[in-house]
C-alpha atoms as a PDB file:
ATOM      1  CA  MET A   1     -31.239-213.352  96.077  1.00  0.00           C
ATOM      2  CA  GLU A   2     -34.416-212.054  94.411  1.00  0.00           C
ATOM      3  CA  ILE A   3     -37.644-211.537  96.344  1.00  0.00           C
ATOM      4  CA  LEU A   4     -41.047-210.665  94.866  1.00  0.00           C
ATOM      5  CA  GLU A   5     -43.700-209.442  97.272  1.00  0.00           C
ATOM      6  CA  ASN A   6     -46.862-207.366  97.510  1.00  0.00           C
ATOM      7  CA  LEU A   7     -46.485-204.322  99.734  1.00  0.00           C
ATOM      8  CA  LYS A   8     -49.736-203.033 101.247  1.00  0.00           C
ATOM      9  CA  VAL A   9     -50.438-199.324 100.714  1.00  0.00           C
ATOM     10  CA  PRO A  10     -53.631-197.335 101.357  1.00  0.00           C
ATOM     11  CA  GLY A  11     -56.155-198.504  98.775  1.00  0.00           C
ATOM     12  CA  GLY A  12     -54.251-201.512  97.468  1.00  0.00           C
ATOM     13  CA  SER A  13     -50.804-203.011  97.039  1.00  0.00           C
ATOM     14  CA  LEU A  14     -47.581-202.525  95.099  1.00  0.00           C
ATOM     15  CA  ARG A  15     -45.681-205.369  93.455  1.00  0.00           C
ATOM     16  CA  VAL A  16     -42.086-205.044  94.636  1.00  0.00           C
ATOM     17  CA  LYS A  17     -38.921-206.797  93.444  1.00  0.00           C
ATOM     18  CA  ILE A  18     -35.992-206.804  95.874  1.00  0.00           C
ATOM     19  CA  GLN A  19     -32.555-208.006  94.835  1.00  0.00           C
ATOM     20  CA  LYS A  20     -30.274-208.543  97.796  1.00  0.00           C
ATOM     21  CA  ASN A  21     -26.662-208.603  96.706  1.00  0.00           C
ATOM     22  CA  ASP A  22     -25.056-208.078 100.137  1.00  0.00           C
ATOM     23  CA  LYS A  23     -24.067-204.530  99.235  1.00  0.00           C
ATOM     24  CA  PRO A  24     -23.920-201.640 101.739  1.00  0.00           C
ATOM     25  CA  GLU A  25     -26.143-199.337  99.672  1.00  0.00           C
ATOM     26  CA  THR A  26     -29.547-199.719  98.052  1.00  0.00           C
ATOM     27  CA  ILE A  27     -30.840-198.128  94.871  1.00  0.00           C
ATOM     28  CA  ILE A  28     -34.586-197.709  94.236  1.00  0.00           C
ATOM     29  CA  MET A  29     -35.580-197.834  90.571  1.00  0.00           C
ATOM     30  CA  ILE A  30     -38.849-196.055  89.719  1.00  0.00           C
ATOM     31  CA  HIS A  31     -40.262-196.447  86.226  1.00  0.00           C
ATOM     32  CA  GLY A  32     -42.040-193.792  84.194  1.00  0.00           C
ATOM     33  CA  PHE A  33     -45.511-193.493  82.727  1.00  0.00           C
ATOM     34  CA  MET A  34     -46.720-196.602  80.843  1.00  0.00           C
ATOM     35  CA  ASP A  35     -43.811-198.754  82.116  1.00  0.00           C
ATOM     36  CA  THR A  36     -43.326-201.414  84.806  1.00  0.00           C
ATOM     37  CA  LYS A  37     -40.587-202.583  87.153  1.00  0.00           C
ATOM     38  CA  GLU A  38     -39.333-204.799  84.309  1.00  0.00           C
ATOM     39  CA  THR A  39     -38.141-201.649  82.504  1.00  0.00           C
ATOM     40  CA  PHE A  40     -34.856-202.009  84.391  1.00  0.00           C
ATOM     41  CA  PHE A  41     -34.225-205.661  83.493  1.00  0.00           C
ATOM     42  CA  ARG A  42     -31.216-204.853  81.280  1.00  0.00           C
ATOM     43  CA  LEU A  43     -29.710-202.372  83.745  1.00  0.00           C
ATOM     44  CA  GLU A  44     -29.871-204.622  86.803  1.00  0.00           C
ATOM     45  CA  PRO A  45     -26.674-206.610  86.029  1.00  0.00           C
ATOM     46  CA  PHE A  46     -24.639-203.391  86.097  1.00  0.00           C
ATOM     47  CA  PHE A  47     -26.203-201.950  89.249  1.00  0.00           C
ATOM     48  CA  LYS A  48     -26.139-205.168  91.269  1.00  0.00           C
ATOM     49  CA  LYS A  49     -22.342-205.071  91.290  1.00  0.00           C
ATOM     50  CA  LYS A  50     -22.517-202.106  93.685  1.00  0.00           C
ATOM     51  CA  PHE A  51     -26.055-201.988  95.105  1.00  0.00           C
ATOM     52  CA  ASP A  52     -28.968-203.923  96.481  1.00  0.00           C
ATOM     53  CA  ILE A  53     -31.845-203.088  94.121  1.00  0.00           C
ATOM     54  CA  ILE A  54     -35.506-202.344  94.783  1.00  0.00           C
ATOM     55  CA  SER A  55     -37.872-201.842  91.866  1.00  0.00           C
ATOM     56  CA  TYR A  56     -41.654-201.796  91.955  1.00  0.00           C
ATOM     57  CA  ASP A  57     -44.738-201.255  89.852  1.00  0.00           C
ATOM     58  CA  LEU A  58     -46.354-197.907  90.582  1.00  0.00           C
ATOM     59  CA  ARG A  59     -50.083-197.915  91.339  1.00  0.00           C
ATOM     60  CA  GLY A  60     -52.007-198.772  88.193  1.00  0.00           C
ATOM     61  CA  HIS A  61     -48.994-200.325  86.461  1.00  0.00           C
ATOM     62  CA  GLY A  62     -47.837-203.907  85.981  1.00  0.00           C
ATOM     63  CA  ASP A  63     -48.826-206.188  88.847  1.00  0.00           C
ATOM     64  CA  SER A  64     -49.715-203.442  91.341  1.00  0.00           C
ATOM     65  CA  THR A  65     -53.303-202.608  92.276  1.00  0.00           C
ATOM     66  CA  TRP A  66     -55.388-200.719  89.734  1.00  0.00           C
ATOM     67  CA  ASN A  67     -58.207-198.457  90.908  1.00  0.00           C
ATOM     68  CA  GLU A  68     -61.629-198.171  89.262  1.00  0.00           C
ATOM     69  CA  SER A  69     -61.259-194.511  88.300  1.00  0.00           C
ATOM     70  CA  GLY A  70     -57.917-195.003  86.577  1.00  0.00           C
ATOM     71  CA  GLN A  71     -56.670-191.789  88.168  1.00  0.00           C
ATOM     72  CA  TYR A  72     -53.309-191.752  89.915  1.00  0.00           C
ATOM     73  CA  PHE A  73     -51.457-188.862  91.509  1.00  0.00           C
ATOM     74  CA  TYR A  74     -47.787-188.105  92.120  1.00  0.00           C
ATOM     75  CA  GLN A  75     -48.589-187.369  95.760  1.00  0.00           C
ATOM     76  CA  GLU A  76     -49.666-190.998  96.217  1.00  0.00           C
ATOM     77  CA  ALA A  77     -46.462-192.237  94.590  1.00  0.00           C
ATOM     78  CA  MET A  78     -44.418-190.086  96.971  1.00  0.00           C
ATOM     79  CA  ILE A  79     -46.297-191.444  99.987  1.00  0.00           C
ATOM     80  CA  ASP A  80     -45.746-195.001  98.751  1.00  0.00           C
ATOM     81  CA  LEU A  81     -41.977-194.445  98.812  1.00  0.00           C
ATOM     82  CA  GLN A  82     -42.042-193.797 102.535  1.00  0.00           C
END
């Protein structure tokens, strides 16, 4: 089952894709600079055999909130993972 949702974070929201495959472990896929959660589209079929999968657009990427300054910091990304 695939779920798309907006997760509220300080200053905006993150677009999150959750794939529940009834597996005991979950893998979180985090894209790099200039990418989106869709970066993992071709890998998902392999990982879903063993894991539930969570992927999301980092702040300022894809369908997540963009801020006016265009500045984003790794510290914010780490906080968002909590």
